[in-house]
Amino acid sequence: MTQCLHANLVDIPARSIYPARIEIAEGRIYRITPVEMPAATFVLPGFIDAHIHIESSLLTPAAFGRVALCHGTVATVSDPHEIANVLGERGIDFMLDSAAKTPMHICFGAPSCVPATPFETSGAVLNAESVSKLLKNPRIGYLSEVMNYPAVIDREPETMRKIRAAHRLKKPVDGHAPGLRGEKLQRYIEAGITTDHECTDIREAREKIAMGMKILIREGSAAKSFQTLIPLLTESPEHIMFCSDDRHPDDLVEGHIDRLVRRAVAEGYDLFNVLRAACLTPAEHYNLPVGRLRPGDRADFVEVTDLRTFRHLATYIRGRVVAREGAPLQPLSTESRPNRLPSRTVPAAYPIHPKTGCSRLRVIGAHDRKLQTDSLTLTRSSPLPDPKTDILKIVVLNRYDPHAPPVVGLVRGFGLKRGAIAGSVAHDSHNLIAVGCDDTSLANALQAVINAGGGLVAVIGEERFLLPLPIAGLMQSGDGFHIAESYRKLKAFAKERLGTPLSDPFMTLSFMALPVIPELKMTDRGLFDVTRFQPTDLCIKEPPCR
């Protein structure tokens, strides 16, 4: 049976828009016929997120797809290294099974860095043999971001075996090289790495493009580079894609790649360059099996009211409407709950143990909606923690070993006046992490997360607000719109009852243990100096007297 749709067709390669009769048969576009009759709506290829960790939405792939389809997203390029760090290949199998329950196409990568560094404890290790096995799976489309760029530059054998395995299968290799320039960058790219989503400086991005890389303009819940990098869309449109990297549920229900498209067009950028980055370049680069509005293609596209607001009317996958006017038409999915979070009783006290005679301490400087931190210096003059001066304790607790002791440090920037927050989401190894004003609150928060089998929590006295995350301590299944509302309420509780000024304290918390983003972070093994890429001490050694 043939379906017919009359709309203005947006032909991105031809850079033209014309009214057309679009005929669909057996899930594919059978014929496109230009017509003279004016059309009221517009159809264009669906949007693609060129790099995202779905786990960061706190939703399973099935639940994520149900929401993203409402924004015209037909595909994502997704690195499952969050769950892989917790559950290894079992976690990747879960993501593949869940993705099969959504009509949206999810192209998963084989995680290249599990763990991200050897300076933290993860729940699994994916060596070159494991990665090669994953890459042979036809549902795995690429090698995920190679974050350990020093290993690539030094041609470390294990890392190079993973890259060569992808090359043998003609699958792309994603990069992750914040701030890398010059000869080191050239050596990184010569290893066969083709993309980067970590640019925060346009000169750095231009250098990477000149060496052949594609640059992803990232606008996620945490890191944002749109304003800095969007001029590249005019300079080098064929090298640009859009991505969100990490998108929290409350942000996802408000918009996805459509939000970047709308913003770029509003700022005067060429419509066809914008849509090329949002719809075509990712499909071509990753060889995605999604339609591009051509006869013979799968009938995957989005219908909108206009090319200014891009208000959603319908998303089509294989010729079937799967979301209409911003509402999902897909039923909720029933899913399993794989996890790894042993039961334990957490310590009641979290003392700081600077060395005898140490008068200066290192403090992590956190910032709202930024992945980067500062390495601050504190001269000891009062008891710690000290909420009045915003010097709080930060605790990381190995989630995989129930006998591991906590690691305690200091952080500034969370602004808590009372209580504590904690979670089992801590990129990338996802050990338990907490920030608080006193030891009792820290202990109560960490215990609440463990008792729930994972989640995010804010605690003040006997009061608490908990968002359970029973799947790997990272995700929930079910209605993403409901989960987004619960997340909003959790953030509101932390602001109103604990006093934090941060727009999203749990997002900021989740990146405090990520030892591949500068400058100072805290893993389950202690403080880590990312700039020097080595562990460091809480105590700052005084220079010898001369």
Protein backbone atom coordinates (compact mmCIF):
# COMPACT_ATOMS: atom_id res chain seq x y z
CA MET A 1 0.00 0.00 0.00
CA THR A 2 1.38 3.40 -1.01
CA GLN A 3 1.27 6.44 1.29
CA CYS A 4 1.31 9.94 -0.13
CA LEU A 5 2.45 13.16 1.52
CA HIS A 6 2.18 16.64 0.01
CA ALA A 7 4.76 19.02 1.50
CA ASN A 8 7.61 21.38 0.67
CA LEU A 9 10.64 19.13 0.30
CA VAL A 10 13.98 20.45 1.59
CA ASP A 11 16.64 19.05 -0.76
CA ILE A 12 19.87 19.74 1.14
CA PRO A 13 22.45 18.59 -1.46
CA ALA A 14 20.65 20.53 -4.25
CA ARG A 15 20.14 23.51 -1.91
CA SER A 16 16.54 23.84 -3.01
CA ILE A 17 13.03 23.76 -1.56
CA TYR A 18 9.98 22.89 -3.65
CA PRO A 19 6.45 21.51 -3.21
CA ALA A 20 6.39 17.81 -3.89
CA ARG A 21 4.32 14.67 -3.76
CA ILE A 22 6.22 12.08 -1.72
CA GLU A 23 5.12 8.48 -2.22
CA ILE A 24 6.08 5.84 0.34
CA ALA A 25 5.84 2.10 -0.16
CA GLU A 26 7.05 -0.68 2.14
CA GLY A 27 8.85 1.76 4.41
CA ARG A 28 10.85 3.41 1.62
CA ILE A 29 10.46 6.47 -0.55
CA TYR A 30 9.09 5.16 -3.81
CA ARG A 31 8.84 8.40 -5.76
CA ILE A 32 9.27 12.16 -5.32
CA THR A 33 7.36 14.30 -7.81
CA PRO A 34 7.63 18.10 -7.93
CA VAL A 35 4.20 19.73 -8.07
CA GLU A 36 2.91 23.25 -8.59
CA MET A 37 0.35 23.19 -5.80
CA PRO A 38 1.71 25.16 -2.77
CA ALA A 39 2.26 23.10 0.39
CA ALA A 40 1.65 24.14 3.98
CA THR A 41 4.41 22.13 5.70
CA PHE A 42 8.05 21.17 5.16
CA VAL A 43 9.80 17.80 5.21
CA LEU A 44 13.53 17.32 5.71
CA PRO A 45 15.85 14.46 6.66
CA GLY A 46 15.70 13.71 10.36
CA PHE A 47 18.20 15.15 12.82
CA ILE A 48 21.22 13.16 14.04
CA ASP A 49 23.15 13.60 17.28
CA ALA A 50 26.73 12.88 16.19
CA HIS A 51 28.05 12.05 19.66
CA ILE A 52 26.14 11.30 22.85
CA HIS A 53 26.36 9.12 25.93
CA ILE A 54 22.72 8.09 26.32
CA GLU A 55 23.35 7.03 29.92
CA SER A 56 23.80 10.71 30.85
CA SER A 57 20.13 11.29 30.12
CA LEU A 58 19.43 8.90 33.03
CA LEU A 59 17.23 7.03 30.52
CA THR A 60 17.66 3.68 28.82
CA PRO A 61 18.04 3.79 25.02
CA ALA A 62 14.38 2.78 24.63
CA ALA A 63 13.21 5.55 26.96
CA PHE A 64 15.62 8.06 25.39
CA GLY A 65 14.43 7.28 21.88
CA ARG A 66 10.82 7.76 22.89
CA VAL A 67 11.60 11.38 23.90
CA ALA A 68 14.16 12.24 21.19
CA LEU A 69 11.82 11.20 18.39
CA CYS A 70 9.51 13.99 19.54
CA HIS A 71 12.19 16.49 18.50
CA GLY A 72 12.73 15.04 15.03
CA THR A 73 15.84 13.01 15.96
CA VAL A 74 16.00 9.87 13.82
CA ALA A 75 19.46 8.66 14.82
CA THR A 76 22.26 9.05 17.33
CA VAL A 77 25.93 8.09 17.38
CA SER A 78 26.28 6.79 20.91
CA ASP A 79 29.29 5.80 22.98
CA PRO A 80 28.20 3.32 25.70
CA HIS A 81 31.38 3.68 27.75
CA GLU A 82 29.46 4.87 30.82
CA ILE A 83 27.71 1.54 31.34
CA ALA A 84 30.73 -0.35 29.97
CA ASN A 85 32.83 1.05 32.82
CA VAL A 86 30.32 -0.44 35.26
CA LEU A 87 29.29 -3.72 33.61
CA GLY A 88 31.66 -4.30 30.71
CA GLU A 89 30.31 -6.20 27.71
CA ARG A 90 27.19 -7.16 29.67
CA GLY A 91 26.33 -3.47 29.85
CA ILE A 92 26.84 -2.98 26.11
CA ASP A 93 24.58 -5.97 25.44
CA PHE A 94 21.91 -4.32 27.57
CA MET A 95 22.20 -1.08 25.56
CA LEU A 96 21.89 -2.98 22.27
CA ASP A 97 18.82 -4.87 23.51
CA SER A 98 17.20 -1.68 24.78
CA ALA A 99 17.95 0.17 21.54
CA ALA A 100 16.12 -2.54 19.62
CA LYS A 101 12.95 -1.42 21.40
CA THR A 102 12.95 2.06 19.83
CA PRO A 103 12.44 2.81 16.12
CA MET A 104 15.13 5.49 16.32
CA HIS A 105 18.45 4.23 14.94
CA ILE A 106 21.19 4.16 17.57
CA CYS A 107 24.69 3.55 16.23
CA PHE A 108 26.77 2.31 19.14
CA GLY A 109 30.55 2.43 19.29
CA ALA A 110 33.01 0.02 20.85
CA PRO A 111 34.35 1.87 23.91
CA SER A 112 38.07 2.48 23.53
CA CYS A 113 38.83 3.61 27.08
CA VAL A 114 37.45 1.31 29.74
CA PRO A 115 38.73 2.44 32.13
CA ALA A 116 39.44 5.96 30.92
CA THR A 117 42.78 6.00 32.75
CA PRO A 118 44.77 3.56 34.91
CA PHE A 119 44.42 5.98 37.84
CA GLU A 120 40.88 4.97 38.85
CA THR A 121 38.91 1.81 39.57
CA SER A 122 36.24 0.73 37.11
CA GLY A 123 33.95 -2.27 37.07
CA ALA A 124 35.45 -3.68 33.90
CA VAL A 125 38.40 -3.57 31.55
CA LEU A 126 37.95 -3.77 27.79
CA ASN A 127 41.30 -4.72 26.30
CA ALA A 128 42.21 -4.77 22.63
CA GLU A 129 40.87 -8.29 22.22
CA SER A 130 37.50 -7.31 23.74
CA VAL A 131 37.29 -4.19 21.59
CA SER A 132 38.15 -6.15 18.42
CA LYS A 133 35.37 -8.61 19.22
CA LEU A 134 32.87 -5.78 19.71
CA LEU A 135 33.86 -4.10 16.45
CA LYS A 136 33.03 -7.29 14.53
CA ASN A 137 29.43 -7.00 15.70
CA PRO A 138 27.45 -5.43 12.81
CA ARG A 139 25.48 -3.38 15.35
CA ILE A 140 28.71 -1.66 16.48
CA GLY A 141 29.51 1.08 13.98
CA TYR A 142 32.75 2.72 15.10
CA LEU A 143 35.50 2.94 17.72
CA SER A 144 34.37 5.35 20.41
CA GLU A 145 36.31 8.42 21.49
CA VAL A 146 39.96 7.68 22.16
CA MET A 147 40.40 9.76 25.30
CA ASN A 148 43.87 8.58 26.24
CA TYR A 149 45.58 10.78 23.67
CA PRO A 150 49.02 10.49 25.35
CA ALA A 151 48.86 6.75 24.62
CA VAL A 152 48.11 7.47 20.95
CA ILE A 153 50.92 10.00 20.66
CA ASP A 154 53.33 7.54 22.27
CA ARG A 155 51.96 4.71 20.07
CA GLU A 156 51.21 2.59 23.12
CA PRO A 157 50.70 -0.95 21.71
CA GLU A 158 47.38 -1.83 23.39
CA THR A 159 45.73 1.43 22.30
CA MET A 160 47.05 1.10 18.75
CA ARG A 161 45.70 -2.45 18.48
CA LYS A 162 42.20 -1.10 19.16
CA ILE A 163 42.59 1.59 16.50
CA ARG A 164 43.96 -0.84 13.93
CA ALA A 165 41.06 -3.23 14.59
CA ALA A 166 38.62 -0.47 13.62
CA HIS A 167 40.64 0.41 10.52
CA ARG A 168 40.68 -3.22 9.35
CA LEU A 169 36.88 -3.23 9.45
CA LYS A 170 36.69 0.22 7.81
CA LYS A 171 34.92 1.68 10.83
CA PRO A 172 35.56 5.31 11.89
CA VAL A 173 37.60 6.19 14.97
CA ASP A 174 36.35 9.05 17.16
CA GLY A 175 38.70 11.43 18.92
CA HIS A 176 38.85 13.26 22.25
CA ALA A 177 41.75 15.67 22.38
CA PRO A 178 41.01 18.85 24.35
CA GLY A 179 43.61 21.53 23.69
CA LEU A 180 45.87 19.30 21.59
CA ARG A 181 47.82 21.34 19.01
CA GLY A 182 50.89 21.25 16.78
CA GLU A 183 53.09 18.19 16.35
CA LYS A 184 51.26 16.18 19.01
CA LEU A 185 47.95 16.82 17.28
CA GLN A 186 49.45 15.81 13.93
CA ARG A 187 50.69 12.55 15.43
CA TYR A 188 47.27 11.91 17.01
CA ILE A 189 45.49 12.42 13.68
CA GLU A 190 48.06 10.35 11.76
CA ALA A 191 46.94 7.39 13.88
CA GLY A 192 43.68 7.52 11.93
CA ILE A 193 41.43 9.49 14.28
CA THR A 194 38.86 11.52 12.37
CA THR A 195 36.69 13.60 14.73
CA ASP A 196 36.90 15.78 17.82
CA HIS A 197 34.11 17.15 20.01
CA GLU A 198 36.31 18.72 22.71
CA CYS A 199 37.33 22.01 21.04
CA THR A 200 36.69 25.10 23.15
CA ASP A 201 38.82 27.46 21.06
CA ILE A 202 38.07 28.23 17.42
CA ARG A 203 41.76 28.44 16.51
CA GLU A 204 42.25 24.93 17.83
CA ALA A 205 39.24 23.76 15.81
CA ARG A 206 40.56 25.41 12.63
CA GLU A 207 43.90 23.68 13.07
CA LYS A 208 42.20 20.32 13.46
CA ILE A 209 40.05 20.92 10.37
CA ALA A 210 43.14 21.88 8.38
CA MET A 211 44.63 18.51 9.32
CA GLY A 212 41.53 16.68 8.08
CA MET A 213 39.38 16.27 11.17
CA LYS A 214 35.64 16.78 11.40
CA ILE A 215 34.64 19.03 14.30
CA LEU A 216 31.52 18.45 16.37
CA ILE A 217 29.86 21.58 17.73
CA ARG A 218 28.74 20.47 21.17
CA GLU A 219 25.83 21.93 23.07
CA GLY A 220 24.98 19.61 25.91
CA SER A 221 23.77 19.99 29.46
CA ALA A 222 27.35 20.45 30.65
CA ALA A 223 29.80 21.46 27.93
CA LYS A 224 28.76 24.11 25.42
CA SER A 225 30.78 25.23 22.39
CA PHE A 226 28.07 26.50 20.03
CA GLN A 227 28.74 30.19 20.46
CA THR A 228 32.50 29.74 20.10
CA LEU A 229 32.54 27.36 17.15
CA ILE A 230 29.46 28.18 15.08
CA PRO A 231 31.42 30.47 12.65
CA LEU A 232 33.00 27.23 11.38
CA LEU A 233 29.67 26.43 9.76
CA THR A 234 30.36 29.18 7.22
CA GLU A 235 34.10 28.55 6.92
CA SER A 236 34.10 24.74 6.60
CA PRO A 237 30.50 23.46 6.41
CA GLU A 238 31.53 20.03 5.11
CA HIS A 239 33.59 19.39 8.27
CA ILE A 240 30.93 20.22 10.88
CA MET A 241 28.44 18.12 12.82
CA PHE A 242 26.25 18.82 15.85
CA CYS A 243 26.25 16.83 19.09
CA SER A 244 25.13 17.03 22.69
CA ASP A 245 27.58 14.56 24.31
CA ASP A 246 25.75 14.59 27.66
CA ARG A 247 22.10 15.62 27.84
CA HIS A 248 20.19 15.44 31.08
CA PRO A 249 16.51 14.43 31.07
CA ASP A 250 15.07 17.85 31.87
CA ASP A 251 17.03 19.35 28.97
CA LEU A 252 16.12 16.51 26.63
CA VAL A 253 12.36 16.98 27.00
CA GLU A 254 12.84 20.64 26.03
CA GLY A 255 14.81 19.96 22.86
CA HIS A 256 17.61 18.09 21.17
CA ILE A 257 19.49 18.72 17.88
CA ASP A 258 16.45 20.71 16.70
CA ARG A 259 17.40 23.33 19.28
CA LEU A 260 20.83 23.84 17.70
CA VAL A 261 19.27 24.02 14.23
CA ARG A 262 16.76 26.61 15.36
CA ARG A 263 19.44 28.69 17.04
CA ALA A 264 21.86 28.59 14.09
CA VAL A 265 19.16 29.65 11.62
CA ALA A 266 18.02 32.43 13.97
CA GLU A 267 21.60 33.74 14.07
CA GLY A 268 21.63 34.02 10.29
CA TYR A 269 23.63 30.96 9.27
CA ASP A 270 22.87 29.41 5.90
CA LEU A 271 19.92 27.01 6.20
CA PHE A 272 21.46 24.33 4.00
CA ASN A 273 24.81 24.42 5.83
CA VAL A 274 22.94 24.07 9.12
CA LEU A 275 20.88 21.12 7.91
CA ARG A 276 23.93 19.51 6.34
CA ALA A 277 25.60 19.45 9.77
CA ALA A 278 22.44 18.28 11.53
CA CYS A 279 21.20 15.68 9.05
CA LEU A 280 23.62 14.58 6.33
CA THR A 281 27.27 14.75 7.41
CA PRO A 282 26.81 12.38 10.40
CA ALA A 283 24.92 9.90 8.22
CA GLU A 284 27.71 9.95 5.65
CA HIS A 285 30.62 9.87 8.10
CA TYR A 286 29.25 6.97 10.17
CA ASN A 287 27.51 5.21 7.26
CA LEU A 288 24.18 5.26 9.09
CA PRO A 289 21.28 3.35 7.52
CA VAL A 290 18.89 6.30 7.73
CA GLY A 291 17.03 7.86 4.85
CA ARG A 292 18.13 11.13 3.23
CA LEU A 293 14.92 11.96 1.38
CA ARG A 294 15.81 10.31 -1.91
CA PRO A 295 13.90 7.71 -3.92
CA GLY A 296 14.88 4.26 -2.69
CA ASP A 297 15.89 5.52 0.77
CA ARG A 298 14.24 4.48 3.97
CA ALA A 299 11.36 6.84 4.67
CA ASP A 300 12.99 8.50 7.70
CA PHE A 301 12.24 12.21 7.92
CA VAL A 302 10.63 14.95 9.95
CA GLU A 303 7.72 17.21 9.06
CA VAL A 304 7.72 20.75 10.48
CA THR A 305 5.51 23.83 10.22
CA ASP A 306 8.27 26.16 8.97
CA LEU A 307 12.02 26.58 8.57
CA ARG A 308 12.40 29.17 11.30
CA THR A 309 10.85 27.67 14.44
CA PHE A 310 10.98 24.07 13.10
CA ARG A 311 7.89 23.31 15.15
CA HIS A 312 7.47 19.55 15.15
CA LEU A 313 4.48 18.01 13.38
CA ALA A 314 5.58 14.43 12.83
CA THR A 315 8.61 12.15 12.81
CA TYR A 316 8.57 9.29 10.30
CA ILE A 317 10.68 6.14 10.63
CA ARG A 318 10.37 3.64 7.77
CA GLY A 319 7.27 5.50 6.65
CA ARG A 320 5.52 5.20 10.01
CA VAL A 321 4.66 8.17 12.21
CA VAL A 322 6.39 7.53 15.56
CA ALA A 323 5.86 10.96 17.16
CA ARG A 324 3.27 13.61 16.45
CA GLU A 325 3.27 17.27 17.51
CA GLY A 326 5.88 16.69 20.19
CA ALA A 327 4.23 13.62 21.72
CA PRO A 328 5.49 10.02 21.49
CA LEU A 329 3.37 7.35 19.85
CA GLN A 330 5.55 4.50 21.12
CA PRO A 331 4.47 2.39 24.13
CA LEU A 332 6.66 2.15 27.21
CA SER A 333 9.11 -0.76 27.25
CA THR A 334 9.72 -3.37 29.93
CA GLU A 335 13.44 -3.80 30.55
CA SER A 336 15.84 -5.75 32.73
CA ARG A 337 17.88 -4.10 35.51
CA PRO A 338 21.53 -5.15 35.35
CA ASN A 339 23.59 -3.57 38.12
CA ARG A 340 26.78 -3.76 40.14
CA LEU A 341 26.67 -1.97 43.48
CA PRO A 342 27.45 -4.21 46.46
CA SER A 343 25.63 -3.57 49.70
CA ARG A 344 27.77 -2.06 52.45
CA THR A 345 27.64 0.23 55.45
CA VAL A 346 29.54 3.43 54.75
CA PRO A 347 31.89 5.01 57.29
CA ALA A 348 30.42 7.55 59.71
CA ALA A 349 33.42 9.90 59.57
CA TYR A 350 35.46 11.36 56.68
CA PRO A 351 38.58 12.92 58.16
CA ILE A 352 41.06 14.89 56.11
CA HIS A 353 44.63 13.71 56.67
CA PRO A 354 47.12 16.33 55.51
CA LYS A 355 50.72 15.60 56.28
CA THR A 356 52.21 16.89 59.50
CA GLY A 357 53.26 20.50 59.14
CA CYS A 358 51.29 20.97 55.91
CA SER A 359 49.97 24.53 55.83
CA ARG A 360 48.64 24.67 52.27
CA LEU A 361 46.09 22.33 50.68
CA ARG A 362 44.91 21.69 47.14
CA VAL A 363 41.24 22.41 46.53
CA ILE A 364 39.18 21.51 43.46
CA GLY A 365 37.59 24.63 42.00
CA ALA A 366 34.23 23.69 40.45
CA HIS A 367 32.23 25.86 38.05
CA ASP A 368 28.57 25.86 37.08
CA ARG A 369 27.91 24.00 33.79
CA LYS A 370 31.58 23.42 33.05
CA LEU A 371 33.57 20.20 32.85
CA GLN A 372 36.84 21.97 33.60
CA THR A 373 37.92 22.69 37.17
CA ASP A 374 40.63 24.85 38.74
CA SER A 375 43.44 23.77 41.05
CA LEU A 376 43.11 26.13 43.99
CA THR A 377 45.32 26.65 47.03
CA LEU A 378 43.97 26.95 50.58
CA THR A 379 46.00 28.13 53.53
CA ARG A 380 44.71 26.27 56.57
CA SER A 381 43.27 28.74 59.05
CA SER A 382 39.97 27.26 60.23
CA PRO A 383 38.32 23.85 60.76
CA LEU A 384 37.26 22.04 57.60
CA PRO A 385 34.82 21.84 55.97
CA ASP A 386 33.76 25.50 56.16
CA PRO A 387 30.43 26.19 54.41
CA LYS A 388 30.78 29.92 55.17
CA THR A 389 33.74 30.16 52.79
CA ASP A 390 32.38 27.43 50.48
CA ILE A 391 35.15 24.94 51.34
CA LEU A 392 33.35 21.59 51.44
CA LYS A 393 34.40 17.97 51.64
CA ILE A 394 34.30 15.81 48.54
CA VAL A 395 34.26 12.03 48.99
CA VAL A 396 34.79 9.32 46.38
CA LEU A 397 34.03 5.73 47.38
CA ASN A 398 34.93 2.72 45.26
CA ARG A 399 31.56 1.19 44.36
CA TYR A 400 33.00 -2.14 43.21
CA ASP A 401 34.90 -3.14 46.36
CA PRO A 402 32.72 -3.07 49.50
CA HIS A 403 35.84 -2.97 51.66
CA ALA A 404 37.54 -0.02 49.96
CA PRO A 405 38.05 3.05 52.16
CA PRO A 406 36.72 6.46 51.08
CA VAL A 407 39.01 9.11 49.63
CA VAL A 408 38.43 12.62 50.99
CA GLY A 409 39.37 16.00 49.57
CA LEU A 410 38.19 19.58 49.39
CA VAL A 411 36.11 21.42 46.81
CA ARG A 412 34.94 24.98 46.30
CA GLY A 413 32.09 26.07 44.04
CA PHE A 414 29.12 23.97 45.14
CA GLY A 415 27.91 26.58 47.59
CA LEU A 416 26.02 24.19 49.89
CA LYS A 417 25.00 25.87 53.13
CA ARG A 418 23.88 22.65 54.79
CA GLY A 419 23.51 18.91 54.10
CA ALA A 420 25.07 16.89 51.28
CA ILE A 421 24.46 15.59 47.78
CA ALA A 422 25.63 12.24 46.42
CA GLY A 423 25.29 9.99 43.42
CA SER A 424 26.33 6.84 41.60
CA VAL A 425 26.84 8.85 38.39
CA ALA A 426 30.50 9.93 38.31
CA HIS A 427 32.12 9.92 34.88
CA ASP A 428 33.62 7.68 33.70
CA SER A 429 34.15 4.88 36.22
CA HIS A 430 31.01 5.77 38.20
CA ASN A 431 32.28 5.27 41.69
CA LEU A 432 30.14 6.82 44.41
CA ILE A 433 30.71 10.54 44.90
CA ALA A 434 29.43 13.08 47.43
CA VAL A 435 29.92 16.70 48.44
CA GLY A 436 28.77 17.93 51.80
CA CYS A 437 28.97 20.28 54.75
CA ASP A 438 29.39 17.67 57.50
CA ASP A 439 30.28 14.02 57.92
CA THR A 440 26.83 12.90 59.09
CA SER A 441 25.18 14.30 55.97
CA LEU A 442 27.87 12.78 53.75
CA ALA A 443 27.38 9.35 55.34
CA ASN A 444 23.57 9.57 55.08
CA ALA A 445 23.73 10.60 51.43
CA LEU A 446 26.14 7.84 50.40
CA GLN A 447 24.18 5.23 52.34
CA ALA A 448 20.94 6.30 50.66
CA VAL A 449 22.50 5.80 47.23
CA ILE A 450 23.78 2.34 48.13
CA ASN A 451 20.48 1.27 49.69
CA ALA A 452 18.65 2.31 46.50
CA GLY A 453 21.00 0.33 44.27
CA GLY A 454 22.15 3.58 42.71
CA GLY A 455 20.73 7.03 42.24
CA LEU A 456 21.05 10.73 43.00
CA VAL A 457 20.17 12.16 46.39
CA ALA A 458 20.08 15.39 48.37
CA VAL A 459 20.08 15.10 52.18
CA ILE A 460 19.51 17.57 55.01
CA GLY A 461 18.96 16.10 58.46
CA GLU A 462 16.19 13.51 58.19
CA GLU A 463 14.93 15.00 54.94
CA ARG A 464 16.02 13.60 51.61
CA PHE A 465 15.04 13.59 47.96
CA LEU A 466 16.13 10.50 46.06
CA LEU A 467 15.98 9.75 42.34
CA PRO A 468 16.63 5.98 42.03
CA LEU A 469 18.75 4.74 39.11
CA PRO A 470 18.46 0.94 39.39
CA ILE A 471 20.03 0.11 36.01
CA ALA A 472 23.82 0.11 36.53
CA GLY A 473 23.31 2.97 38.98
CA LEU A 474 23.00 5.17 35.88
CA MET A 475 19.53 4.89 34.36
CA GLN A 476 15.82 4.31 34.69
CA SER A 477 13.44 2.79 32.20
CA GLY A 478 9.91 4.06 31.68
CA ASP A 479 8.48 7.46 30.84
CA GLY A 480 11.29 9.94 30.16
CA PHE A 481 8.97 12.90 30.67
CA HIS A 482 8.14 11.70 34.19
CA ILE A 483 11.80 11.04 34.99
CA ALA A 484 12.67 14.53 33.75
CA GLU A 485 10.14 16.03 36.14
CA SER A 486 11.59 14.04 39.05
CA TYR A 487 15.04 15.33 38.15
CA ARG A 488 13.76 18.91 38.14
CA LYS A 489 12.30 18.41 41.61
CA LEU A 490 15.57 16.94 42.88
CA LYS A 491 17.51 19.99 41.67
CA ALA A 492 14.91 22.32 43.21
CA PHE A 493 15.23 20.51 46.56
CA ALA A 494 19.02 20.92 46.49
CA LYS A 495 18.72 24.63 45.74
CA GLU A 496 15.92 25.46 48.16
CA ARG A 497 16.86 23.25 51.12
CA LEU A 498 20.65 22.93 50.79
CA GLY A 499 21.31 26.41 49.42
CA THR A 500 23.42 25.61 46.35
CA PRO A 501 23.44 28.33 43.68
CA LEU A 502 24.44 25.89 40.92
CA SER A 503 21.94 25.48 38.10
CA ASP A 504 22.55 21.72 38.14
CA PRO A 505 24.64 20.58 41.12
CA PHE A 506 24.32 16.89 40.19
CA MET A 507 25.75 17.46 36.73
CA THR A 508 28.67 19.36 38.26
CA LEU A 509 29.13 16.58 40.83
CA SER A 510 29.19 13.89 38.13
CA PHE A 511 32.28 15.40 36.46
CA MET A 512 34.40 15.89 39.60
CA ALA A 513 35.89 12.40 39.20
CA LEU A 514 36.67 12.58 35.47
CA PRO A 515 40.47 12.49 35.15
CA VAL A 516 40.65 13.34 31.44
CA ILE A 517 39.28 16.90 31.66
CA PRO A 518 41.58 19.50 33.31
CA GLU A 519 42.57 20.66 35.81
CA LEU A 520 42.18 18.93 39.20
CA LYS A 521 39.88 15.95 39.79
CA MET A 522 39.29 13.31 42.44
CA THR A 523 39.16 9.58 41.72
CA ASP A 524 38.70 6.71 44.15
CA ARG A 525 42.51 6.64 44.44
CA GLY A 526 42.96 10.30 45.33
CA LEU A 527 43.55 13.69 43.75
CA PHE A 528 44.58 13.72 40.10
CA ASP A 529 46.40 16.50 38.26
CA VAL A 530 44.99 16.23 34.72
CA THR A 531 47.37 18.85 33.29
CA ARG A 532 50.37 16.74 34.31
CA PHE A 533 48.35 13.54 33.91
CA GLN A 534 49.50 12.11 37.20
CA PRO A 535 48.27 11.67 40.79
CA THR A 536 48.95 14.50 43.22
CA ASP A 537 48.74 15.13 46.97
CA LEU A 538 46.23 17.05 49.04
CA CYS A 539 49.17 18.77 50.69
CA ILE A 540 51.22 21.29 48.70
CA LYS A 541 54.86 20.81 49.49
CA GLU A 542 56.68 23.93 50.55
CA PRO A 543 59.79 24.80 48.53
CA PRO A 544 63.04 24.26 50.44
CA CYS A 545 64.58 27.28 52.12
CA ARG A 546 67.53 28.85 50.34
